[in-house]
Amino acid sequence: MAGLRLGWGLICPGQLTRMAALIKNAQESLVLLGGAAVLTFFAAFIEGFWSAHPNPPALKFGVGIFFWVLTILYLMSGRKEWYERP
C-alpha cells in the first residue's frame, strides 16, 4: 500500500506539484511502513514463543478466537476519521 500511495502522488498530484505530492504521500507511506513493521514484529513474537509453547490446543484456539473477535469489533467500531480524507 505504501508503494501505491507513492505512485498515486506521481500519477494524480491534484493541486500540488508532483514533487510536493510525492513528499506528502511519502510521509503517509512511512506511517504505513512503521505499522507493518510493528505488526510483523508481533507476528514473529507470536510464532516464535506462543506457537512453540506446549499449551493445550484448546487454549491456543481460544486465544486466537478472542483476538479475532477483538479485530472484528475494532473494524466495525466506525472510526471513520482514519479512512475519510477531506
PDB file of N, CA and C in Angstrom:
ATOM      1  N   MET A   1       0.817  -1.179   0.000  1.00  0.00           N
ATOM      2  CA  MET A   1       0.000   0.000   0.000  1.00  0.00           C
ATOM      3  C   MET A   1       0.872   1.257   0.000  1.00  0.00           C
ATOM      4  N   ALA A   2       1.980   1.193   0.677  1.00  0.00           N
ATOM      5  CA  ALA A   2       2.851   2.365   0.726  1.00  0.00           C
ATOM      6  C   ALA A   2       3.360   2.715  -0.667  1.00  0.00           C
ATOM      7  N   GLY A   3       3.719   1.709  -1.442  1.00  0.00           N
ATOM      8  CA  GLY A   3       4.172   1.961  -2.812  1.00  0.00           C
ATOM      9  C   GLY A   3       3.068   2.510  -3.691  1.00  0.00           C
ATOM     10  N   LEU A   4       1.855   2.038  -3.485  1.00  0.00           N
ATOM     11  CA  LEU A   4       0.726   2.566  -4.249  1.00  0.00           C
ATOM     12  C   LEU A   4       0.469   4.027  -3.908  1.00  0.00           C
ATOM     13  N   ARG A   5       0.627   4.382  -2.633  1.00  0.00           N
ATOM     14  CA  ARG A   5       0.456   5.792  -2.242  1.00  0.00           C
ATOM     15  C   ARG A   5       1.505   6.669  -2.927  1.00  0.00           C
ATOM     16  N   LEU A   6       2.739   6.179  -3.006  1.00  0.00           N
ATOM     17  CA  LEU A   6       3.784   6.954  -3.680  1.00  0.00           C
ATOM     18  C   LEU A   6       3.469   7.114  -5.162  1.00  0.00           C
ATOM     19  N   GLY A   7       3.050   6.031  -5.796  1.00  0.00           N
ATOM     20  CA  GLY A   7       2.710   6.100  -7.213  1.00  0.00           C
ATOM     21  C   GLY A   7       1.532   7.001  -7.484  1.00  0.00           C
ATOM     22  N   TRP A   8       0.553   6.984  -6.596  1.00  0.00           N
ATOM     23  CA  TRP A   8      -0.620   7.833  -6.783  1.00  0.00           C
ATOM     24  C   TRP A   8      -0.231   9.311  -6.704  1.00  0.00           C
ATOM     25  N   GLY A   9       0.751   9.633  -5.882  1.00  0.00           N
ATOM     26  CA  GLY A   9       1.222  11.013  -5.812  1.00  0.00           C
ATOM     27  C   GLY A   9       1.854  11.472  -7.118  1.00  0.00           C
ATOM     28  N   LEU A  10       2.461  10.553  -7.854  1.00  0.00           N
ATOM     29  CA  LEU A  10       3.052  10.905  -9.144  1.00  0.00           C
ATOM     30  C   LEU A  10       2.019  10.933 -10.260  1.00  0.00           C
ATOM     31  N   ILE A  11       1.077   9.996 -10.227  1.00  0.00           N
ATOM     32  CA  ILE A  11       0.083   9.903 -11.304  1.00  0.00           C
ATOM     33  C   ILE A  11      -0.973  10.985 -11.191  1.00  0.00           C
ATOM     34  N   CYS A  12      -1.460  11.220  -9.983  1.00  0.00           N
ATOM     35  CA  CYS A  12      -2.554  12.172  -9.786  1.00  0.00           C
ATOM     36  C   CYS A  12      -2.198  13.117  -8.626  1.00  0.00           C
ATOM     37  N   PRO A  13      -1.368  14.134  -8.897  1.00  0.00           N
ATOM     38  CA  PRO A  13      -0.926  15.008  -7.805  1.00  0.00           C
ATOM     39  C   PRO A  13      -1.975  16.006  -7.330  1.00  0.00           C
ATOM     40  N   GLY A  14      -3.064  16.162  -8.076  1.00  0.00           N
ATOM     41  CA  GLY A  14      -4.092  17.126  -7.673  1.00  0.00           C
ATOM     42  C   GLY A  14      -3.598  18.555  -7.842  1.00  0.00           C
ATOM     43  N   GLN A  15      -3.802  19.397  -6.834  1.00  0.00           N
ATOM     44  CA  GLN A  15      -3.404  20.800  -6.893  1.00  0.00           C
ATOM     45  C   GLN A  15      -1.930  21.014  -6.541  1.00  0.00           C
ATOM     46  N   LEU A  16      -1.267  19.954  -6.106  1.00  0.00           N
ATOM     47  CA  LEU A  16       0.143  20.064  -5.724  1.00  0.00           C
ATOM     48  C   LEU A  16       1.047  19.784  -6.924  1.00  0.00           C
ATOM     49  N   THR A  17       2.297  20.216  -6.808  1.00  0.00           N
ATOM     50  CA  THR A  17       3.267  19.800  -7.811  1.00  0.00           C
ATOM     51  C   THR A  17       3.559  18.319  -7.595  1.00  0.00           C
ATOM     52  N   ARG A  18       4.134  17.674  -8.587  1.00  0.00           N
ATOM     53  CA  ARG A  18       4.415  16.240  -8.440  1.00  0.00           C
ATOM     54  C   ARG A  18       5.387  15.980  -7.291  1.00  0.00           C
ATOM     55  N   MET A  19       6.363  16.846  -7.130  1.00  0.00           N
ATOM     56  CA  MET A  19       7.333  16.663  -6.048  1.00  0.00           C
ATOM     57  C   MET A  19       6.667  16.857  -4.692  1.00  0.00           C
ATOM     58  N   ALA A  20       5.813  17.878  -4.557  1.00  0.00           N
ATOM     59  CA  ALA A  20       5.125  18.108  -3.282  1.00  0.00           C
ATOM     60  C   ALA A  20       4.168  16.956  -2.969  1.00  0.00           C
ATOM     61  N   ALA A  21       3.472  16.448  -3.986  1.00  0.00           N
ATOM     62  CA  ALA A  21       2.570  15.318  -3.776  1.00  0.00           C
ATOM     63  C   ALA A  21       3.359  14.070  -3.396  1.00  0.00           C
ATOM     64  N   LEU A  22       4.516  13.882  -4.013  1.00  0.00           N
ATOM     65  CA  LEU A  22       5.359  12.735  -3.679  1.00  0.00           C
ATOM     66  C   LEU A  22       5.850  12.822  -2.235  1.00  0.00           C
ATOM     67  N   ILE A  23       6.259  13.999  -1.800  1.00  0.00           N
ATOM     68  CA  ILE A  23       6.733  14.183  -0.424  1.00  0.00           C
ATOM     69  C   ILE A  23       5.597  13.952   0.564  1.00  0.00           C
ATOM     70  N   LYS A  24       4.415  14.493   0.272  1.00  0.00           N
ATOM     71  CA  LYS A  24       3.260  14.313   1.148  1.00  0.00           C
ATOM     72  C   LYS A  24       2.895  12.835   1.262  1.00  0.00           C
ATOM     73  N   ASN A  25       2.829  12.152   0.134  1.00  0.00           N
ATOM     74  CA  ASN A  25       2.479  10.731   0.155  1.00  0.00           C
ATOM     75  C   ASN A  25       3.596   9.879   0.757  1.00  0.00           C
ATOM     76  N   ALA A  26       4.841  10.325   0.642  1.00  0.00           N
ATOM     77  CA  ALA A  26       5.948   9.589   1.259  1.00  0.00           C
ATOM     78  C   ALA A  26       5.835   9.645   2.780  1.00  0.00           C
ATOM     79  N   GLN A  27       5.428  10.781   3.323  1.00  0.00           N
ATOM     80  CA  GLN A  27       5.252  10.892   4.761  1.00  0.00           C
ATOM     81  C   GLN A  27       4.141   9.959   5.247  1.00  0.00           C
ATOM     82  N   GLU A  28       3.050   9.889   4.494  1.00  0.00           N
ATOM     83  CA  GLU A  28       1.966   8.982   4.851  1.00  0.00           C
ATOM     84  C   GLU A  28       2.407   7.526   4.700  1.00  0.00           C
ATOM     85  N   SER A  29       3.242   7.260   3.712  1.00  0.00           N
ATOM     86  CA  SER A  29       3.714   5.900   3.488  1.00  0.00           C
ATOM     87  C   SER A  29       4.624   5.427   4.621  1.00  0.00           C
ATOM     88  N   LEU A  30       5.377   6.338   5.204  1.00  0.00           N
ATOM     89  CA  LEU A  30       6.233   5.967   6.324  1.00  0.00           C
ATOM     90  C   LEU A  30       5.413   5.472   7.513  1.00  0.00           C
ATOM     91  N   VAL A  31       4.242   6.065   7.709  1.00  0.00           N
ATOM     92  CA  VAL A  31       3.360   5.604   8.780  1.00  0.00           C
ATOM     93  C   VAL A  31       2.898   4.176   8.481  1.00  0.00           C
ATOM     94  N   LEU A  32       2.547   3.907   7.226  1.00  0.00           N
ATOM     95  CA  LEU A  32       2.136   2.556   6.840  1.00  0.00           C
ATOM     96  C   LEU A  32       3.274   1.554   7.027  1.00  0.00           C
ATOM     97  N   LEU A  33       4.472   1.938   6.636  1.00  0.00           N
ATOM     98  CA  LEU A  33       5.613   1.041   6.789  1.00  0.00           C
ATOM     99  C   LEU A  33       5.936   0.783   8.260  1.00  0.00           C
ATOM    100  N   GLY A  34       5.809   1.809   9.086  1.00  0.00           N
ATOM    101  CA  GLY A  34       6.030   1.632  10.519  1.00  0.00           C
ATOM    102  C   GLY A  34       5.010   0.679  11.126  1.00  0.00           C
ATOM    103  N   GLY A  35       3.747   0.841  10.726  1.00  0.00           N
ATOM    104  CA  GLY A  35       2.709  -0.068  11.206  1.00  0.00           C
ATOM    105  C   GLY A  35       2.959  -1.496  10.757  1.00  0.00           C
ATOM    106  N   ALA A  36       3.390  -1.663   9.511  1.00  0.00           N
ATOM    107  CA  ALA A  36       3.687  -3.007   9.010  1.00  0.00           C
ATOM    108  C   ALA A  36       4.853  -3.627   9.775  1.00  0.00           C
ATOM    109  N   ALA A  37       5.843  -2.827  10.120  1.00  0.00           N
ATOM    110  CA  ALA A  37       6.992  -3.346  10.876  1.00  0.00           C
ATOM    111  C   ALA A  37       6.563  -3.794  12.271  1.00  0.00           C
ATOM    112  N   VAL A  38       5.712  -3.006  12.923  1.00  0.00           N
ATOM    113  CA  VAL A  38       5.245  -3.373  14.262  1.00  0.00           C
ATOM    114  C   VAL A  38       4.408  -4.649  14.202  1.00  0.00           C
ATOM    115  N   LEU A  39       3.509  -4.749  13.233  1.00  0.00           N
ATOM    116  CA  LEU A  39       2.680  -5.943  13.109  1.00  0.00           C
ATOM    117  C   LEU A  39       3.514  -7.176  12.781  1.00  0.00           C
ATOM    118  N   THR A  40       4.554  -6.997  11.965  1.00  0.00           N
ATOM    119  CA  THR A  40       5.447  -8.118  11.660  1.00  0.00           C
ATOM    120  C   THR A  40       6.195  -8.569  12.915  1.00  0.00           C
ATOM    121  N   PHE A  41       6.607  -7.620  13.738  1.00  0.00           N
ATOM    122  CA  PHE A  41       7.269  -7.967  14.994  1.00  0.00           C
ATOM    123  C   PHE A  41       6.344  -8.779  15.896  1.00  0.00           C
ATOM    124  N   PHE A  42       5.096  -8.333  16.037  1.00  0.00           N
ATOM    125  CA  PHE A  42       4.144  -9.071  16.870  1.00  0.00           C
ATOM    126  C   PHE A  42       3.870 -10.460  16.306  1.00  0.00           C
ATOM    127  N   ALA A  43       3.764 -10.561  14.989  1.00  0.00           N
ATOM    128  CA  ALA A  43       3.535 -11.871  14.371  1.00  0.00           C
ATOM    129  C   ALA A  43       4.716 -12.801  14.629  1.00  0.00           C
ATOM    130  N   ALA A  44       5.928 -12.277  14.540  1.00  0.00           N
ATOM    131  CA  ALA A  44       7.114 -13.099  14.809  1.00  0.00           C
ATOM    132  C   ALA A  44       7.162 -13.515  16.278  1.00  0.00           C
ATOM    133  N   PHE A  45       6.789 -12.614  17.164  1.00  0.00           N
ATOM    134  CA  PHE A  45       6.760 -12.945  18.587  1.00  0.00           C
ATOM    135  C   PHE A  45       5.766 -14.070  18.860  1.00  0.00           C
ATOM    136  N   ILE A  46       4.578 -13.949  18.285  1.00  0.00           N
ATOM    137  CA  ILE A  46       3.556 -14.985  18.479  1.00  0.00           C
ATOM    138  C   ILE A  46       4.033 -16.312  17.897  1.00  0.00           C
ATOM    139  N   GLU A  47       4.573 -16.277  16.720  1.00  0.00           N
ATOM    140  CA  GLU A  47       5.023 -17.516  16.079  1.00  0.00           C
ATOM    141  C   GLU A  47       6.195 -18.133  16.837  1.00  0.00           C
ATOM    142  N   GLY A  48       7.098 -17.318  17.308  1.00  0.00           N
ATOM    143  CA  GLY A  48       8.291 -17.842  17.966  1.00  0.00           C
ATOM    144  C   GLY A  48       8.058 -18.342  19.376  1.00  0.00           C
ATOM    145  N   PHE A  49       7.196 -17.674  20.124  1.00  0.00           N
ATOM    146  CA  PHE A  49       7.038 -18.028  21.529  1.00  0.00           C
ATOM    147  C   PHE A  49       5.703 -18.709  21.832  1.00  0.00           C
ATOM    148  N   TRP A  50       4.610 -18.145  21.370  1.00  0.00           N
ATOM    149  CA  TRP A  50       3.293 -18.682  21.703  1.00  0.00           C
ATOM    150  C   TRP A  50       3.034 -20.007  20.994  1.00  0.00           C
ATOM    151  N   SER A  51       3.324 -20.072  19.701  1.00  0.00           N
ATOM    152  CA  SER A  51       3.039 -21.294  18.946  1.00  0.00           C
ATOM    153  C   SER A  51       3.907 -22.456  19.412  1.00  0.00           C
ATOM    154  N   ALA A  52       5.128 -22.169  19.799  1.00  0.00           N
ATOM    155  CA  ALA A  52       6.041 -23.238  20.198  1.00  0.00           C
ATOM    156  C   ALA A  52       5.832 -23.680  21.647  1.00  0.00           C
ATOM    157  N   HIS A  53       5.116 -22.899  22.426  1.00  0.00           N
ATOM    158  CA  HIS A  53       4.913 -23.226  23.831  1.00  0.00           C
ATOM    159  C   HIS A  53       3.949 -24.410  23.953  1.00  0.00           C
ATOM    160  N   PRO A  54       4.199 -25.304  24.895  1.00  0.00           N
ATOM    161  CA  PRO A  54       3.365 -26.508  24.989  1.00  0.00           C
ATOM    162  C   PRO A  54       2.015 -26.292  25.686  1.00  0.00           C
ATOM    163  N   ASN A  55       1.306 -25.230  25.325  1.00  0.00           N
ATOM    164  CA  ASN A  55      -0.041 -25.014  25.861  1.00  0.00           C
ATOM    165  C   ASN A  55      -1.011 -25.977  25.185  1.00  0.00           C
ATOM    166  N   PRO A  56      -2.110 -26.293  25.849  1.00  0.00           N
ATOM    167  CA  PRO A  56      -3.100 -27.170  25.211  1.00  0.00           C
ATOM    168  C   PRO A  56      -3.726 -26.478  23.993  1.00  0.00           C
ATOM    169  N   PRO A  57      -4.058 -27.241  22.966  1.00  0.00           N
ATOM    170  CA  PRO A  57      -4.633 -26.639  21.753  1.00  0.00           C
ATOM    171  C   PRO A  57      -5.909 -25.845  22.020  1.00  0.00           C
ATOM    172  N   ALA A  58      -6.718 -26.273  22.978  1.00  0.00           N
ATOM    173  CA  ALA A  58      -7.954 -25.541  23.271  1.00  0.00           C
ATOM    174  C   ALA A  58      -7.644 -24.115  23.739  1.00  0.00           C
ATOM    175  N   LEU A  59      -6.607 -23.947  24.533  1.00  0.00           N
ATOM    176  CA  LEU A  59      -6.213 -22.613  24.990  1.00  0.00           C
ATOM    177  C   LEU A  59      -5.731 -21.770  23.810  1.00  0.00           C
ATOM    178  N   LYS A  60      -4.915 -22.345  22.944  1.00  0.00           N
ATOM    179  CA  LYS A  60      -4.410 -21.609  21.781  1.00  0.00           C
ATOM    180  C   LYS A  60      -5.552 -21.180  20.864  1.00  0.00           C
ATOM    181  N   PHE A  61      -6.496 -22.087  20.605  1.00  0.00           N
ATOM    182  CA  PHE A  61      -7.632 -21.739  19.762  1.00  0.00           C
ATOM    183  C   PHE A  61      -8.516 -20.692  20.432  1.00  0.00           C
ATOM    184  N   GLY A  62      -8.687 -20.809  21.736  1.00  0.00           N
ATOM    185  CA  GLY A  62      -9.492 -19.832  22.472  1.00  0.00           C
ATOM    186  C   GLY A  62      -8.899 -18.437  22.399  1.00  0.00           C
ATOM    187  N   VAL A  63      -7.595 -18.341  22.578  1.00  0.00           N
ATOM    188  CA  VAL A  63      -6.924 -17.038  22.489  1.00  0.00           C
ATOM    189  C   VAL A  63      -7.016 -16.499  21.059  1.00  0.00           C
ATOM    190  N   GLY A  64      -6.851 -17.376  20.076  1.00  0.00           N
ATOM    191  CA  GLY A  64      -6.969 -16.943  18.689  1.00  0.00           C
ATOM    192  C   GLY A  64      -8.352 -16.419  18.365  1.00  0.00           C
ATOM    193  N   ILE A  65      -9.383 -17.114  18.834  1.00  0.00           N
ATOM    194  CA  ILE A  65     -10.758 -16.650  18.602  1.00  0.00           C
ATOM    195  C   ILE A  65     -11.000 -15.322  19.305  1.00  0.00           C
ATOM    196  N   PHE A  66     -10.481 -15.186  20.521  1.00  0.00           N
ATOM    197  CA  PHE A  66     -10.637 -13.924  21.253  1.00  0.00           C
ATOM    198  C   PHE A  66     -10.050 -12.752  20.468  1.00  0.00           C
ATOM    199  N   PHE A  67      -8.845 -12.928  19.927  1.00  0.00           N
ATOM    200  CA  PHE A  67      -8.224 -11.832  19.190  1.00  0.00           C
ATOM    201  C   PHE A  67      -8.908 -11.578  17.847  1.00  0.00           C
ATOM    202  N   TRP A  68      -9.455 -12.610  17.225  1.00  0.00           N
ATOM    203  CA  TRP A  68     -10.245 -12.394  16.010  1.00  0.00           C
ATOM    204  C   TRP A  68     -11.493 -11.575  16.318  1.00  0.00           C
ATOM    205  N   VAL A  69     -12.160 -11.881  17.414  1.00  0.00           N
ATOM    206  CA  VAL A  69     -13.346 -11.111  17.798  1.00  0.00           C
ATOM    207  C   VAL A  69     -12.958  -9.667  18.092  1.00  0.00           C
ATOM    208  N   LEU A  70     -11.847  -9.450  18.794  1.00  0.00           N
ATOM    209  CA  LEU A  70     -11.378  -8.081  19.037  1.00  0.00           C
ATOM    210  C   LEU A  70     -11.102  -7.343  17.730  1.00  0.00           C
ATOM    211  N   THR A  71     -10.478  -8.023  16.782  1.00  0.00           N
ATOM    212  CA  THR A  71     -10.168  -7.405  15.495  1.00  0.00           C
ATOM    213  C   THR A  71     -11.450  -7.027  14.753  1.00  0.00           C
ATOM    214  N   ILE A  72     -12.408  -7.924  14.724  1.00  0.00           N
ATOM    215  CA  ILE A  72     -13.670  -7.645  14.034  1.00  0.00           C
ATOM    216  C   ILE A  72     -14.407  -6.495  14.711  1.00  0.00           C
ATOM    217  N   LEU A  73     -14.439  -6.475  16.040  1.00  0.00           N
ATOM    218  CA  LEU A  73     -15.088  -5.367  16.744  1.00  0.00           C
ATOM    219  C   LEU A  73     -14.397  -4.042  16.457  1.00  0.00           C
ATOM    220  N   TYR A  74     -13.086  -4.063  16.394  1.00  0.00           N
ATOM    221  CA  TYR A  74     -12.349  -2.836  16.074  1.00  0.00           C
ATOM    222  C   TYR A  74     -12.695  -2.347  14.672  1.00  0.00           C
ATOM    223  N   LEU A  75     -12.733  -3.266  13.714  1.00  0.00           N
ATOM    224  CA  LEU A  75     -13.027  -2.868  12.343  1.00  0.00           C
ATOM    225  C   LEU A  75     -14.467  -2.386  12.176  1.00  0.00           C
ATOM    226  N   MET A  76     -15.349  -2.855  13.018  1.00  0.00           N
ATOM    227  CA  MET A  76     -16.745  -2.445  12.932  1.00  0.00           C
ATOM    228  C   MET A  76     -17.081  -1.272  13.854  1.00  0.00           C
ATOM    229  N   SER A  77     -16.089  -0.713  14.532  1.00  0.00           N
ATOM    230  CA  SER A  77     -16.341   0.330  15.524  1.00  0.00           C
ATOM    231  C   SER A  77     -16.704   1.670  14.912  1.00  0.00           C
ATOM    232  N   GLY A  78     -16.501   1.849  13.623  1.00  0.00           N
ATOM    233  CA  GLY A  78     -16.915   3.087  12.972  1.00  0.00           C
ATOM    234  C   GLY A  78     -15.942   4.231  13.102  1.00  0.00           C
ATOM    235  N   ARG A  79     -14.665   3.954  13.112  1.00  0.00           N
ATOM    236  CA  ARG A  79     -13.660   5.013  13.204  1.00  0.00           C
ATOM    237  C   ARG A  79     -13.430   5.601  11.818  1.00  0.00           C
ATOM    238  N   LYS A  80     -14.337   6.434  11.366  1.00  0.00           N
ATOM    239  CA  LYS A  80     -14.287   6.950  10.002  1.00  0.00           C
ATOM    240  C   LYS A  80     -13.155   7.947   9.783  1.00  0.00           C
ATOM    241  N   GLU A  81     -12.687   8.598  10.829  1.00  0.00           N
ATOM    242  CA  GLU A  81     -11.655   9.613  10.625  1.00  0.00           C
ATOM    243  C   GLU A  81     -10.369   9.025  10.077  1.00  0.00           C
ATOM    244  N   TRP A  82     -10.174   7.695  10.175  1.00  0.00           N
ATOM    245  CA  TRP A  82      -8.955   7.080   9.672  1.00  0.00           C
ATOM    246  C   TRP A  82      -8.969   6.918   8.170  1.00  0.00           C
ATOM    247  N   TYR A  83     -10.118   6.755   7.571  1.00  0.00           N
ATOM    248  CA  TYR A  83     -10.133   6.485   6.134  1.00  0.00           C
ATOM    249  C   TYR A  83     -10.856   7.537   5.317  1.00  0.00           C
ATOM    250  N   GLU A  84     -11.463   8.514   5.930  1.00  0.00           N
ATOM    251  CA  GLU A  84     -12.103   9.596   5.176  1.00  0.00           C
ATOM    252  C   GLU A  84     -11.123  10.755   5.063  1.00  0.00           C
ATOM    253  N   ARG A  85     -10.889  11.163   3.852  1.00  0.00           N
ATOM    254  CA  ARG A  85      -9.993  12.298   3.596  1.00  0.00           C
ATOM    255  C   ARG A  85     -10.824  13.507   3.219  1.00  0.00           C
ATOM    256  N   PRO A  86     -10.415  14.702   3.641  1.00  0.00           N
ATOM    257  CA  PRO A  86     -11.170  15.914   3.243  1.00  0.00           C
ATOM    258  C   PRO A  86     -11.023  16.214   1.773  1.00  0.00           C
TER     259      PRO A  86
END
